[in-house]
Amino acid sequence: MIAGFIVWSVCAAVFVGLAVYCRKAEKPVGFFAGVNAPEVGDVKGYNRAVSRLWIIYAVLFEALGVPFLFAKQNSPVYIISVLGTMFISIGAMAAYHFIAEKYKK
């Protein structure tokens, strides 16, 4: 299942790339697809906070992929990865709402 872990790691690397993009952006970045970023007072601080959120998400996402290294194919252990991804995604959405409220103009 090394191939599964490699694919999982590539997805985590995409999130890291998104974090780097957010950190370097000049305009406020959006979080949800198709939704514009809110009007913010401190663009640099807002983008740093969103970037930090994506980095944390990528690290947790990568950690949830560890069962791919040790478990056999079709193992029930993979439920940890599936449910964990769902929970960290919901947590990221909730954290973004706090960020948006903090930096809203």
PDB file of N, CA and C in Angstrom:
ATOM      1  N   MET A   1       0.816  -1.199   0.000  1.00  0.00           N
ATOM      2  CA  MET A   1       0.000   0.000   0.000  1.00  0.00           C
ATOM      3  C   MET A   1       0.862   1.268   0.000  1.00  0.00           C
ATOM      4  N   ILE A   2       2.109   1.103  -0.361  1.00  0.00           N
ATOM      5  CA  ILE A   2       3.001   2.263  -0.465  1.00  0.00           C
ATOM      6  C   ILE A   2       2.467   3.240  -1.509  1.00  0.00           C
ATOM      7  N   ALA A   3       1.906   2.709  -2.594  1.00  0.00           N
ATOM      8  CA  ALA A   3       1.365   3.586  -3.646  1.00  0.00           C
ATOM      9  C   ALA A   3       0.229   4.443  -3.097  1.00  0.00           C
ATOM     10  N   GLY A   4      -0.599   3.862  -2.248  1.00  0.00           N
ATOM     11  CA  GLY A   4      -1.683   4.623  -1.625  1.00  0.00           C
ATOM     12  C   GLY A   4      -1.143   5.755  -0.760  1.00  0.00           C
ATOM     13  N   PHE A   5      -0.079   5.474  -0.024  1.00  0.00           N
ATOM     14  CA  PHE A   5       0.515   6.518   0.811  1.00  0.00           C
ATOM     15  C   PHE A   5       1.142   7.615  -0.039  1.00  0.00           C
ATOM     16  N   ILE A   6       1.728   7.240  -1.170  1.00  0.00           N
ATOM     17  CA  ILE A   6       2.327   8.242  -2.056  1.00  0.00           C
ATOM     18  C   ILE A   6       1.247   9.164  -2.617  1.00  0.00           C
ATOM     19  N   VAL A   7       0.139   8.600  -3.038  1.00  0.00           N
ATOM     20  CA  VAL A   7      -0.974   9.415  -3.545  1.00  0.00           C
ATOM     21  C   VAL A   7      -1.505  10.315  -2.437  1.00  0.00           C
ATOM     22  N   TRP A   8      -1.640   9.780  -1.238  1.00  0.00           N
ATOM     23  CA  TRP A   8      -2.111  10.555  -0.081  1.00  0.00           C
ATOM     24  C   TRP A   8      -1.144  11.707   0.192  1.00  0.00           C
ATOM     25  N   SER A   9       0.152  11.440   0.098  1.00  0.00           N
ATOM     26  CA  SER A   9       1.167  12.462   0.342  1.00  0.00           C
ATOM     27  C   SER A   9       1.155  13.548  -0.731  1.00  0.00           C
ATOM     28  N   VAL A  10       0.876  13.164  -1.968  1.00  0.00           N
ATOM     29  CA  VAL A  10       0.763  14.164  -3.038  1.00  0.00           C
ATOM     30  C   VAL A  10      -0.406  15.108  -2.750  1.00  0.00           C
ATOM     31  N   CYS A  11      -1.511  14.559  -2.265  1.00  0.00           N
ATOM     32  CA  CYS A  11      -2.660  15.407  -1.895  1.00  0.00           C
ATOM     33  C   CYS A  11      -2.277  16.353  -0.764  1.00  0.00           C
ATOM     34  N   ALA A  12      -1.546  15.872   0.222  1.00  0.00           N
ATOM     35  CA  ALA A  12      -1.098  16.731   1.317  1.00  0.00           C
ATOM     36  C   ALA A  12      -0.159  17.811   0.794  1.00  0.00           C
ATOM     37  N   ALA A  13       0.675  17.467  -0.178  1.00  0.00           N
ATOM     38  CA  ALA A  13       1.583  18.452  -0.770  1.00  0.00           C
ATOM     39  C   ALA A  13       0.810  19.539  -1.516  1.00  0.00           C
ATOM     40  N   VAL A  14      -0.317  19.178  -2.112  1.00  0.00           N
ATOM     41  CA  VAL A  14      -1.163  20.184  -2.771  1.00  0.00           C
ATOM     42  C   VAL A  14      -1.679  21.181  -1.735  1.00  0.00           C
ATOM     43  N   PHE A  15      -2.047  20.701  -0.562  1.00  0.00           N
ATOM     44  CA  PHE A  15      -2.515  21.605   0.497  1.00  0.00           C
ATOM     45  C   PHE A  15      -1.386  22.515   0.973  1.00  0.00           C
ATOM     46  N   VAL A  16      -0.170  21.992   1.037  1.00  0.00           N
ATOM     47  CA  VAL A  16       0.979  22.826   1.400  1.00  0.00           C
ATOM     48  C   VAL A  16       1.205  23.888   0.325  1.00  0.00           C
ATOM     49  N   GLY A  17       1.078  23.502  -0.931  1.00  0.00           N
ATOM     50  CA  GLY A  17       1.202  24.467  -2.018  1.00  0.00           C
ATOM     51  C   GLY A  17       0.144  25.553  -1.944  1.00  0.00           C
ATOM     52  N   LEU A  18      -1.058  25.166  -1.568  1.00  0.00           N
ATOM     53  CA  LEU A  18      -2.127  26.145  -1.375  1.00  0.00           C
ATOM     54  C   LEU A  18      -1.788  27.101  -0.239  1.00  0.00           C
ATOM     55  N   ALA A  19      -1.181  26.582   0.808  1.00  0.00           N
ATOM     56  CA  ALA A  19      -0.779  27.422   1.941  1.00  0.00           C
ATOM     57  C   ALA A  19       0.286  28.426   1.516  1.00  0.00           C
ATOM     58  N   VAL A  20       1.232  27.990   0.711  1.00  0.00           N
ATOM     59  CA  VAL A  20       2.277  28.900   0.222  1.00  0.00           C
ATOM     60  C   VAL A  20       1.660  29.985  -0.653  1.00  0.00           C
ATOM     61  N   TYR A  21       0.722  29.604  -1.506  1.00  0.00           N
ATOM     62  CA  TYR A  21       0.033  30.575  -2.352  1.00  0.00           C
ATOM     63  C   TYR A  21      -0.711  31.596  -1.490  1.00  0.00           C
ATOM     64  N   CYS A  22      -1.404  31.119  -0.470  1.00  0.00           N
ATOM     65  CA  CYS A  22      -2.148  32.031   0.416  1.00  0.00           C
ATOM     66  C   CYS A  22      -1.202  32.994   1.127  1.00  0.00           C
ATOM     67  N   ARG A  23      -0.064  32.499   1.547  1.00  0.00           N
ATOM     68  CA  ARG A  23       0.894  33.327   2.282  1.00  0.00           C
ATOM     69  C   ARG A  23       1.437  34.449   1.401  1.00  0.00           C
ATOM     70  N   LYS A  24       1.633  34.181   0.113  1.00  0.00           N
ATOM     71  CA  LYS A  24       2.252  35.157  -0.784  1.00  0.00           C
ATOM     72  C   LYS A  24       1.244  36.050  -1.509  1.00  0.00           C
ATOM     73  N   ALA A  25      -0.049  35.781  -1.362  1.00  0.00           N
ATOM     74  CA  ALA A  25      -1.067  36.537  -2.086  1.00  0.00           C
ATOM     75  C   ALA A  25      -1.130  37.982  -1.590  1.00  0.00           C
ATOM     76  N   GLU A  26      -1.374  38.879  -2.520  1.00  0.00           N
ATOM     77  CA  GLU A  26      -1.501  40.306  -2.197  1.00  0.00           C
ATOM     78  C   GLU A  26      -2.932  40.674  -1.813  1.00  0.00           C
ATOM     79  N   LYS A  27      -3.906  39.955  -2.373  1.00  0.00           N
ATOM     80  CA  LYS A  27      -5.316  40.195  -2.082  1.00  0.00           C
ATOM     81  C   LYS A  27      -5.782  39.139  -1.085  1.00  0.00           C
ATOM     82  N   PRO A  28      -6.877  39.411  -0.372  1.00  0.00           N
ATOM     83  CA  PRO A  28      -7.407  38.386   0.540  1.00  0.00           C
ATOM     84  C   PRO A  28      -7.789  37.121  -0.230  1.00  0.00           C
ATOM     85  N   VAL A  29      -7.446  35.984   0.296  1.00  0.00           N
ATOM     86  CA  VAL A  29      -7.733  34.712  -0.358  1.00  0.00           C
ATOM     87  C   VAL A  29      -9.040  34.137   0.175  1.00  0.00           C
ATOM     88  N   GLY A  30      -9.743  33.439  -0.687  1.00  0.00           N
ATOM     89  CA  GLY A  30     -10.962  32.761  -0.271  1.00  0.00           C
ATOM     90  C   GLY A  30     -10.638  31.389   0.288  1.00  0.00           C
ATOM     91  N   PHE A  31     -11.567  30.828   0.972  1.00  0.00           N
ATOM     92  CA  PHE A  31     -11.350  29.501   1.559  1.00  0.00           C
ATOM     93  C   PHE A  31     -12.200  28.460   0.854  1.00  0.00           C
ATOM     94  N   PHE A  32     -13.478  28.762   0.662  1.00  0.00           N
ATOM     95  CA  PHE A  32     -14.387  27.832   0.018  1.00  0.00           C
ATOM     96  C   PHE A  32     -14.380  28.054  -1.482  1.00  0.00           C
ATOM     97  N   ALA A  33     -14.568  27.011  -2.241  1.00  0.00           N
ATOM     98  CA  ALA A  33     -14.579  27.113  -3.704  1.00  0.00           C
ATOM     99  C   ALA A  33     -15.777  27.947  -4.150  1.00  0.00           C
ATOM    100  N   GLY A  34     -15.519  28.901  -5.016  1.00  0.00           N
ATOM    101  CA  GLY A  34     -16.590  29.708  -5.576  1.00  0.00           C
ATOM    102  C   GLY A  34     -17.079  30.827  -4.680  1.00  0.00           C
ATOM    103  N   VAL A  35     -16.448  31.014  -3.536  1.00  0.00           N
ATOM    104  CA  VAL A  35     -16.862  32.065  -2.605  1.00  0.00           C
ATOM    105  C   VAL A  35     -15.742  33.091  -2.519  1.00  0.00           C
ATOM    106  N   ASN A  36     -16.089  34.351  -2.675  1.00  0.00           N
ATOM    107  CA  ASN A  36     -15.088  35.407  -2.583  1.00  0.00           C
ATOM    108  C   ASN A  36     -14.654  35.620  -1.140  1.00  0.00           C
ATOM    109  N   ALA A  37     -13.444  36.106  -0.993  1.00  0.00           N
ATOM    110  CA  ALA A  37     -12.916  36.399   0.347  1.00  0.00           C
ATOM    111  C   ALA A  37     -13.679  37.586   0.934  1.00  0.00           C
ATOM    112  N   PRO A  38     -13.831  37.643   2.239  1.00  0.00           N
ATOM    113  CA  PRO A  38     -14.514  38.777   2.852  1.00  0.00           C
ATOM    114  C   PRO A  38     -13.653  40.039   2.813  1.00  0.00           C
ATOM    115  N   GLU A  39     -14.272  41.168   3.008  1.00  0.00           N
ATOM    116  CA  GLU A  39     -13.536  42.423   3.161  1.00  0.00           C
ATOM    117  C   GLU A  39     -12.800  42.349   4.502  1.00  0.00           C
ATOM    118  N   VAL A  40     -11.490  42.480   4.455  1.00  0.00           N
ATOM    119  CA  VAL A  40     -10.697  42.378   5.673  1.00  0.00           C
ATOM    120  C   VAL A  40      -9.892  43.649   5.873  1.00  0.00           C
ATOM    121  N   GLY A  41      -9.613  43.960   7.129  1.00  0.00           N
ATOM    122  CA  GLY A  41      -8.820  45.135   7.446  1.00  0.00           C
ATOM    123  C   GLY A  41      -7.327  44.879   7.292  1.00  0.00           C
ATOM    124  N   ASP A  42      -6.862  43.749   7.754  1.00  0.00           N
ATOM    125  CA  ASP A  42      -5.447  43.386   7.708  1.00  0.00           C
ATOM    126  C   ASP A  42      -5.270  42.220   6.736  1.00  0.00           C
ATOM    127  N   VAL A  43      -4.997  42.523   5.477  1.00  0.00           N
ATOM    128  CA  VAL A  43      -4.906  41.486   4.437  1.00  0.00           C
ATOM    129  C   VAL A  43      -3.762  40.533   4.723  1.00  0.00           C
ATOM    130  N   LYS A  44      -2.614  41.074   5.093  1.00  0.00           N
ATOM    131  CA  LYS A  44      -1.442  40.231   5.344  1.00  0.00           C
ATOM    132  C   LYS A  44      -1.685  39.267   6.514  1.00  0.00           C
ATOM    133  N   GLY A  45      -2.259  39.772   7.597  1.00  0.00           N
ATOM    134  CA  GLY A  45      -2.559  38.924   8.749  1.00  0.00           C
ATOM    135  C   GLY A  45      -3.603  37.861   8.427  1.00  0.00           C
ATOM    136  N   TYR A  46      -4.615  38.266   7.672  1.00  0.00           N
ATOM    137  CA  TYR A  46      -5.665  37.326   7.269  1.00  0.00           C
ATOM    138  C   TYR A  46      -5.080  36.208   6.409  1.00  0.00           C
ATOM    139  N   ASN A  47      -4.269  36.584   5.418  1.00  0.00           N
ATOM    140  CA  ASN A  47      -3.666  35.569   4.542  1.00  0.00           C
ATOM    141  C   ASN A  47      -2.721  34.659   5.312  1.00  0.00           C
ATOM    142  N   ARG A  48      -1.989  35.216   6.289  1.00  0.00           N
ATOM    143  CA  ARG A  48      -1.117  34.378   7.121  1.00  0.00           C
ATOM    144  C   ARG A  48      -1.936  33.380   7.927  1.00  0.00           C
ATOM    145  N   ALA A  49      -3.061  33.829   8.466  1.00  0.00           N
ATOM    146  CA  ALA A  49      -3.910  32.935   9.265  1.00  0.00           C
ATOM    147  C   ALA A  49      -4.503  31.823   8.403  1.00  0.00           C
ATOM    148  N   VAL A  50      -4.949  32.169   7.198  1.00  0.00           N
ATOM    149  CA  VAL A  50      -5.488  31.143   6.298  1.00  0.00           C
ATOM    150  C   VAL A  50      -4.378  30.184   5.870  1.00  0.00           C
ATOM    151  N   SER A  51      -3.186  30.713   5.627  1.00  0.00           N
ATOM    152  CA  SER A  51      -2.051  29.872   5.276  1.00  0.00           C
ATOM    153  C   SER A  51      -1.716  28.905   6.412  1.00  0.00           C
ATOM    154  N   ARG A  52      -1.714  29.408   7.627  1.00  0.00           N
ATOM    155  CA  ARG A  52      -1.447  28.563   8.795  1.00  0.00           C
ATOM    156  C   ARG A  52      -2.507  27.464   8.915  1.00  0.00           C
ATOM    157  N   LEU A  53      -3.752  27.808   8.628  1.00  0.00           N
ATOM    158  CA  LEU A  53      -4.839  26.837   8.659  1.00  0.00           C
ATOM    159  C   LEU A  53      -4.585  25.713   7.650  1.00  0.00           C
ATOM    160  N   TRP A  54      -4.156  26.058   6.436  1.00  0.00           N
ATOM    161  CA  TRP A  54      -3.886  25.037   5.424  1.00  0.00           C
ATOM    162  C   TRP A  54      -2.677  24.189   5.783  1.00  0.00           C
ATOM    163  N   ILE A  55      -1.661  24.786   6.403  1.00  0.00           N
ATOM    164  CA  ILE A  55      -0.491  24.001   6.832  1.00  0.00           C
ATOM    165  C   ILE A  55      -0.895  22.983   7.893  1.00  0.00           C
ATOM    166  N   ILE A  56      -1.656  23.421   8.868  1.00  0.00           N
ATOM    167  CA  ILE A  56      -2.115  22.510   9.924  1.00  0.00           C
ATOM    168  C   ILE A  56      -2.964  21.399   9.323  1.00  0.00           C
ATOM    169  N   TYR A  57      -3.832  21.776   8.392  1.00  0.00           N
ATOM    170  CA  TYR A  57      -4.668  20.774   7.730  1.00  0.00           C
ATOM    171  C   TYR A  57      -3.796  19.748   6.989  1.00  0.00           C
ATOM    172  N   ALA A  58      -2.781  20.225   6.272  1.00  0.00           N
ATOM    173  CA  ALA A  58      -1.917  19.319   5.511  1.00  0.00           C
ATOM    174  C   ALA A  58      -1.160  18.364   6.431  1.00  0.00           C
ATOM    175  N   VAL A  59      -0.677  18.860   7.560  1.00  0.00           N
ATOM    176  CA  VAL A  59       0.060  18.003   8.504  1.00  0.00           C
ATOM    177  C   VAL A  59      -0.868  16.932   9.083  1.00  0.00           C
ATOM    178  N   LEU A  60      -2.067  17.342   9.495  1.00  0.00           N
ATOM    179  CA  LEU A  60      -3.013  16.368  10.036  1.00  0.00           C
ATOM    180  C   LEU A  60      -3.456  15.371   8.967  1.00  0.00           C
ATOM    181  N   PHE A  61      -3.653  15.865   7.750  1.00  0.00           N
ATOM    182  CA  PHE A  61      -4.037  14.998   6.638  1.00  0.00           C
ATOM    183  C   PHE A  61      -2.950  13.953   6.379  1.00  0.00           C
ATOM    184  N   GLU A  62      -1.703  14.394   6.377  1.00  0.00           N
ATOM    185  CA  GLU A  62      -0.584  13.462   6.167  1.00  0.00           C
ATOM    186  C   GLU A  62      -0.517  12.432   7.298  1.00  0.00           C
ATOM    187  N   ALA A  63      -0.740  12.867   8.519  1.00  0.00           N
ATOM    188  CA  ALA A  63      -0.723  11.942   9.654  1.00  0.00           C
ATOM    189  C   ALA A  63      -1.830  10.894   9.530  1.00  0.00           C
ATOM    190  N   LEU A  64      -2.966  11.294   8.976  1.00  0.00           N
ATOM    191  CA  LEU A  64      -4.055  10.329   8.794  1.00  0.00           C
ATOM    192  C   LEU A  64      -3.757   9.317   7.690  1.00  0.00           C
ATOM    193  N   GLY A  65      -2.747   9.567   6.892  1.00  0.00           N
ATOM    194  CA  GLY A  65      -2.371   8.628   5.841  1.00  0.00           C
ATOM    195  C   GLY A  65      -1.405   7.550   6.290  1.00  0.00           C
ATOM    196  N   VAL A  66      -0.916   7.645   7.521  1.00  0.00           N
ATOM    197  CA  VAL A  66       0.055   6.675   8.023  1.00  0.00           C
ATOM    198  C   VAL A  66      -0.458   5.229   7.986  1.00  0.00           C
ATOM    199  N   PRO A  67      -1.751   4.965   8.220  1.00  0.00           N
ATOM    200  CA  PRO A  67      -2.195   3.567   8.119  1.00  0.00           C
ATOM    201  C   PRO A  67      -1.922   2.921   6.760  1.00  0.00           C
ATOM    202  N   PHE A  68      -1.779   3.737   5.712  1.00  0.00           N
ATOM    203  CA  PHE A  68      -1.466   3.167   4.401  1.00  0.00           C
ATOM    204  C   PHE A  68      -0.103   2.488   4.394  1.00  0.00           C
ATOM    205  N   LEU A  69       0.780   2.895   5.290  1.00  0.00           N
ATOM    206  CA  LEU A  69       2.106   2.287   5.336  1.00  0.00           C
ATOM    207  C   LEU A  69       2.125   0.931   6.023  1.00  0.00           C
ATOM    208  N   PHE A  70       1.221   0.712   6.968  1.00  0.00           N
ATOM    209  CA  PHE A  70       1.311  -0.466   7.822  1.00  0.00           C
ATOM    210  C   PHE A  70       0.166  -1.459   7.674  1.00  0.00           C
ATOM    211  N   ALA A  71      -1.004  -1.008   7.268  1.00  0.00           N
ATOM    212  CA  ALA A  71      -2.164  -1.896   7.220  1.00  0.00           C
ATOM    213  C   ALA A  71      -2.216  -2.642   5.890  1.00  0.00           C
ATOM    214  N   LYS A  72      -2.839  -3.788   5.930  1.00  0.00           N
ATOM    215  CA  LYS A  72      -3.020  -4.565   4.707  1.00  0.00           C
ATOM    216  C   LYS A  72      -4.185  -3.979   3.909  1.00  0.00           C
ATOM    217  N   GLN A  73      -4.259  -4.362   2.652  1.00  0.00           N
ATOM    218  CA  GLN A  73      -5.328  -3.873   1.791  1.00  0.00           C
ATOM    219  C   GLN A  73      -6.687  -4.299   2.346  1.00  0.00           C
ATOM    220  N   ASN A  74      -7.670  -3.429   2.248  1.00  0.00           N
ATOM    221  CA  ASN A  74      -9.040  -3.647   2.719  1.00  0.00           C
ATOM    222  C   ASN A  74      -9.118  -3.856   4.229  1.00  0.00           C
ATOM    223  N   SER A  75      -8.183  -3.279   4.953  1.00  0.00           N
ATOM    224  CA  SER A  75      -8.181  -3.388   6.405  1.00  0.00           C
ATOM    225  C   SER A  75      -9.195  -2.404   6.997  1.00  0.00           C
ATOM    226  N   PRO A  76      -9.844  -2.789   8.092  1.00  0.00           N
ATOM    227  CA  PRO A  76     -10.778  -1.856   8.729  1.00  0.00           C
ATOM    228  C   PRO A  76     -10.080  -0.648   9.368  1.00  0.00           C
ATOM    229  N   VAL A  77      -8.765  -0.675   9.431  1.00  0.00           N
ATOM    230  CA  VAL A  77      -8.002   0.439  10.001  1.00  0.00           C
ATOM    231  C   VAL A  77      -8.183   1.710   9.160  1.00  0.00           C
ATOM    232  N   TYR A  78      -8.486   1.544   7.887  1.00  0.00           N
ATOM    233  CA  TYR A  78      -8.623   2.704   7.004  1.00  0.00           C
ATOM    234  C   TYR A  78      -9.809   3.588   7.372  1.00  0.00           C
ATOM    235  N   ILE A  79     -10.693   3.085   8.185  1.00  0.00           N
ATOM    236  CA  ILE A  79     -11.815   3.914   8.646  1.00  0.00           C
ATOM    237  C   ILE A  79     -11.290   5.106   9.444  1.00  0.00           C
ATOM    238  N   ILE A  80     -10.115   4.926  10.082  1.00  0.00           N
ATOM    239  CA  ILE A  80      -9.488   6.039  10.812  1.00  0.00           C
ATOM    240  C   ILE A  80      -9.146   7.163   9.837  1.00  0.00           C
ATOM    241  N   SER A  81      -8.595   6.829   8.697  1.00  0.00           N
ATOM    242  CA  SER A  81      -8.250   7.840   7.697  1.00  0.00           C
ATOM    243  C   SER A  81      -9.492   8.522   7.143  1.00  0.00           C
ATOM    244  N   VAL A  82     -10.512   7.740   6.860  1.00  0.00           N
ATOM    245  CA  VAL A  82     -11.727   8.296   6.265  1.00  0.00           C
ATOM    246  C   VAL A  82     -12.449   9.212   7.248  1.00  0.00           C
ATOM    247  N   LEU A  83     -12.693   8.725   8.437  1.00  0.00           N
ATOM    248  CA  LEU A  83     -13.400   9.542   9.426  1.00  0.00           C
ATOM    249  C   LEU A  83     -12.541  10.717   9.902  1.00  0.00           C
ATOM    250  N   GLY A  84     -11.242  10.480  10.039  1.00  0.00           N
ATOM    251  CA  GLY A  84     -10.351  11.561  10.458  1.00  0.00           C
ATOM    252  C   GLY A  84     -10.335  12.696   9.462  1.00  0.00           C
ATOM    253  N   THR A  85     -10.329  12.358   8.168  1.00  0.00           N
ATOM    254  CA  THR A  85     -10.361  13.388   7.132  1.00  0.00           C
ATOM    255  C   THR A  85     -11.657  14.181   7.203  1.00  0.00           C
ATOM    256  N   MET A  86     -12.750  13.501   7.458  1.00  0.00           N
ATOM    257  CA  MET A  86     -14.029  14.197   7.592  1.00  0.00           C
ATOM    258  C   MET A  86     -13.987  15.159   8.781  1.00  0.00           C
ATOM    259  N   PHE A  87     -13.459  14.713   9.907  1.00  0.00           N
ATOM    260  CA  PHE A  87     -13.431  15.560  11.095  1.00  0.00           C
ATOM    261  C   PHE A  87     -12.473  16.741  10.952  1.00  0.00           C
ATOM    262  N   ILE A  88     -11.308  16.535  10.346  1.00  0.00           N
ATOM    263  CA  ILE A  88     -10.400  17.678  10.199  1.00  0.00           C
ATOM    264  C   ILE A  88     -10.928  18.661   9.163  1.00  0.00           C
ATOM    265  N   SER A  89     -11.689  18.183   8.187  1.00  0.00           N
ATOM    266  CA  SER A  89     -12.297  19.086   7.207  1.00  0.00           C
ATOM    267  C   SER A  89     -13.355  19.964   7.867  1.00  0.00           C
ATOM    268  N   ILE A  90     -14.179  19.367   8.705  1.00  0.00           N
ATOM    269  CA  ILE A  90     -15.184  20.139   9.442  1.00  0.00           C
ATOM    270  C   ILE A  90     -14.498  21.113  10.390  1.00  0.00           C
ATOM    271  N   GLY A  91     -13.430  20.668  11.037  1.00  0.00           N
ATOM    272  CA  GLY A  91     -12.674  21.551  11.925  1.00  0.00           C
ATOM    273  C   GLY A  91     -12.048  22.718  11.184  1.00  0.00           C
ATOM    274  N   ALA A  92     -11.547  22.473   9.968  1.00  0.00           N
ATOM    275  CA  ALA A  92     -10.962  23.547   9.166  1.00  0.00           C
ATOM    276  C   ALA A  92     -12.017  24.569   8.781  1.00  0.00           C
ATOM    277  N   MET A  93     -13.207  24.109   8.450  1.00  0.00           N
ATOM    278  CA  MET A  93     -14.289  25.042   8.115  1.00  0.00           C
ATOM    279  C   MET A  93     -14.666  25.904   9.314  1.00  0.00           C
ATOM    280  N   ALA A  94     -14.752  25.277  10.479  1.00  0.00           N
ATOM    281  CA  ALA A  94     -15.079  26.027  11.689  1.00  0.00           C
ATOM    282  C   ALA A  94     -13.967  27.023  12.020  1.00  0.00           C
ATOM    283  N   ALA A  95     -12.727  26.609  11.883  1.00  0.00           N
ATOM    284  CA  ALA A  95     -11.600  27.501  12.169  1.00  0.00           C
ATOM    285  C   ALA A  95     -11.590  28.677  11.199  1.00  0.00           C
ATOM    286  N   TYR A  96     -11.937  28.428   9.935  1.00  0.00           N
ATOM    287  CA  TYR A  96     -11.965  29.520   8.971  1.00  0.00           C
ATOM    288  C   TYR A  96     -13.009  30.560   9.352  1.00  0.00           C
ATOM    289  N   HIS A  97     -14.140  30.127   9.856  1.00  0.00           N
ATOM    290  CA  HIS A  97     -15.163  31.094  10.262  1.00  0.00           C
ATOM    291  C   HIS A  97     -14.649  31.991  11.384  1.00  0.00           C
ATOM    292  N   PHE A  98     -13.867  31.444  12.308  1.00  0.00           N
ATOM    293  CA  PHE A  98     -13.267  32.265  13.354  1.00  0.00           C
ATOM    294  C   PHE A  98     -12.263  33.249  12.760  1.00  0.00           C
ATOM    295  N   ILE A  99     -11.477  32.788  11.777  1.00  0.00           N
ATOM    296  CA  ILE A  99     -10.508  33.665  11.127  1.00  0.00           C
ATOM    297  C   ILE A  99     -11.222  34.791  10.397  1.00  0.00           C
ATOM    298  N   ALA A 100     -12.267  34.441   9.655  1.00  0.00           N
ATOM    299  CA  ALA A 100     -13.017  35.443   8.892  1.00  0.00           C
ATOM    300  C   ALA A 100     -13.644  36.487   9.814  1.00  0.00           C
ATOM    301  N   GLU A 101     -14.176  36.046  10.936  1.00  0.00           N
ATOM    302  CA  GLU A 101     -14.778  36.999  11.880  1.00  0.00           C
ATOM    303  C   GLU A 101     -13.714  37.891  12.521  1.00  0.00           C
ATOM    304  N   LYS A 102     -12.564  37.339  12.799  1.00  0.00           N
ATOM    305  CA  LYS A 102     -11.501  38.098  13.456  1.00  0.00           C
ATOM    306  C   LYS A 102     -10.983  39.214  12.552  1.00  0.00           C
ATOM    307  N   TYR A 103     -10.835  38.943  11.264  1.00  0.00           N
ATOM    308  CA  TYR A 103     -10.227  39.910  10.358  1.00  0.00           C
ATOM    309  C   TYR A 103     -11.240  40.694   9.528  1.00  0.00           C
ATOM    310  N   LYS A 104     -12.530  40.442   9.734  1.00  0.00           N
ATOM    311  CA  LYS A 104     -13.541  41.144   8.952  1.00  0.00           C
ATOM    312  C   LYS A 104     -13.490  42.636   9.238  1.00  0.00           C
ATOM    313  N   LYS A 105     -13.646  43.419   8.190  1.00  0.00           N
ATOM    314  CA  LYS A 105     -13.598  44.876   8.286  1.00  0.00           C
ATOM    315  C   LYS A 105     -14.817  45.412   8.982  1.00  0.00           C
TER     316      LYS A 105
END
